Protein backbone atom coordinates (compact mmCIF):
# COMPACT_ATOMS: atom_id res chain seq x y z
CA MET A 1 42.69 46.55 -61.07
CA PRO A 2 43.36 50.03 -59.68
CA SER A 3 44.05 52.86 -62.30
CA ASP A 4 47.65 53.33 -63.55
CA ALA A 5 47.94 56.07 -61.03
CA HIS A 6 47.89 53.45 -58.20
CA ASP A 7 49.98 50.83 -59.85
CA ASP A 8 52.87 51.27 -57.35
CA SER A 9 50.67 52.24 -54.31
CA SER A 10 50.24 49.73 -51.64
CA ASP A 11 47.27 51.74 -50.27
CA GLY A 12 45.57 51.65 -53.74
CA TRP A 13 45.81 47.87 -53.83
CA ARG A 14 44.70 47.58 -50.27
CA ILE A 15 41.57 49.60 -51.08
CA HIS A 16 41.03 47.61 -54.21
CA ALA A 17 41.36 44.38 -52.36
CA SER A 18 38.89 45.60 -49.71
CA ILE A 19 36.32 46.52 -52.39
CA LEU A 20 36.68 43.07 -54.00
CA GLY A 21 36.36 41.45 -50.64
CA ASN A 22 33.05 43.25 -50.01
CA LEU A 23 31.78 41.96 -53.51
CA ASN A 24 32.68 38.46 -52.33
CA GLU A 25 35.40 38.20 -55.02
CA THR A 26 37.77 36.49 -52.51
CA ASN A 27 40.41 35.15 -54.90
CA ALA A 28 40.77 38.54 -56.69
CA ALA A 29 40.86 40.28 -53.31
CA LEU A 30 43.56 37.98 -52.07
CA ALA A 31 45.66 38.76 -55.15
CA SER A 32 45.17 42.48 -54.69
CA PHE A 33 46.29 42.19 -50.97
CA ASP A 34 49.29 40.05 -52.01
CA ARG A 35 50.34 42.93 -54.35
CA ALA A 36 49.78 45.55 -51.75
CA ILE A 37 52.04 43.63 -49.20
CA ARG A 38 54.61 42.96 -51.97
CA ILE A 39 55.02 46.57 -52.87
CA ALA A 40 54.75 48.05 -49.45
CA ARG A 41 57.90 49.51 -48.10
CA VAL A 42 57.02 48.11 -44.64
CA PRO A 43 53.84 46.13 -44.53
CA THR A 44 51.58 46.57 -41.61
CA PRO A 45 50.18 43.62 -39.54
CA GLU A 46 46.76 45.01 -40.59
CA LEU A 47 47.37 44.12 -44.25
CA TYR A 48 48.04 40.46 -43.12
CA PHE A 49 44.88 40.57 -40.90
CA GLN A 50 42.72 41.93 -43.66
CA ARG A 51 43.98 39.36 -46.20
CA ALA A 52 43.49 36.47 -43.69
CA ARG A 53 39.94 37.77 -42.77
CA LEU A 54 38.86 37.23 -46.32
CA LEU A 55 39.06 33.44 -45.57
CA GLU A 56 37.30 33.46 -42.22
CA GLY A 57 34.07 31.36 -42.20
CA LYS A 58 35.33 29.29 -45.09
CA PRO A 59 36.10 25.78 -43.43
CA ASN A 60 37.80 24.45 -46.47
CA ARG A 61 40.30 27.27 -46.54
CA VAL A 62 41.43 27.43 -42.86
CA ASP A 63 44.99 26.13 -43.77
CA GLU A 64 45.28 28.93 -46.33
CA LEU A 65 44.07 31.41 -43.65
CA LEU A 66 46.68 30.20 -41.30
CA ALA A 67 49.35 30.34 -44.12
CA GLU A 68 48.41 34.11 -44.63
CA ILE A 69 49.09 34.63 -40.80
CA ASP A 70 52.39 32.67 -41.14
CA ASP A 71 53.44 34.93 -43.98
CA GLY A 72 52.95 37.99 -41.66
CA ILE A 73 54.90 36.22 -38.88
CA ALA A 74 57.74 35.37 -41.21
CA ARG A 75 57.92 38.96 -42.57
CA LEU A 76 57.25 41.01 -39.44
CA GLY A 77 58.47 38.71 -36.69
CA GLN A 78 56.53 37.19 -33.92
CA LEU A 79 54.16 39.85 -33.24
CA SER A 80 51.67 38.92 -30.46
CA SER A 81 48.70 40.08 -32.48
CA LEU A 82 49.46 37.69 -35.34
CA LEU A 83 50.25 34.85 -32.98
CA GLU A 84 47.07 35.39 -31.04
CA TYR A 85 45.05 35.48 -34.30
CA ALA A 86 46.49 32.24 -35.24
CA ILE A 87 45.98 30.63 -31.87
CA ASN A 88 42.33 31.54 -31.82
CA ILE A 89 41.87 30.00 -35.30
CA GLU A 90 43.59 26.79 -34.06
CA LEU A 91 41.44 26.62 -31.02
CA GLN A 92 38.32 26.92 -33.06
CA ARG A 93 39.68 23.90 -35.10
CA GLY A 94 40.32 21.98 -31.96
CA THR A 95 44.17 21.64 -32.54
CA THR A 96 45.18 22.25 -28.82
CA LEU A 97 48.50 20.55 -29.03
CA LEU A 98 49.59 22.93 -31.82
CA VAL A 99 48.23 25.93 -29.89
CA LEU A 100 50.28 24.89 -26.93
CA ARG A 101 53.43 24.69 -29.09
CA VAL A 102 52.70 28.20 -30.56
CA TRP A 103 51.84 29.65 -27.14
CA MET A 104 55.27 28.29 -25.80
CA HIS A 105 56.98 30.42 -28.44
CA CYS A 106 54.90 33.66 -27.94
CA PRO A 107 56.97 36.65 -26.86
CA ARG A 108 55.82 37.79 -23.39
């Protein structure tokens, strides 16, 4: 956990999460990203991407990865970058019907 000086700093928790991710402490890193997002005045899409990327390459956690992106879409709106990321993950999974439904709702 970051020092007390960073308890209310979204950037401090983001940095902490990144370090934990680099140490393959995925669950702890996810918790730190959650806190960074929760206390950010306005969370950036990058926070959601970084949190989701922790789960890339873990086939048993793809649904969780997509839920991370869904959280970002729910909070920030239908940003094309978040939607495109979700579409790419779904294409890798072979869920083309879902991809088509998501694409139909993408902002243009």
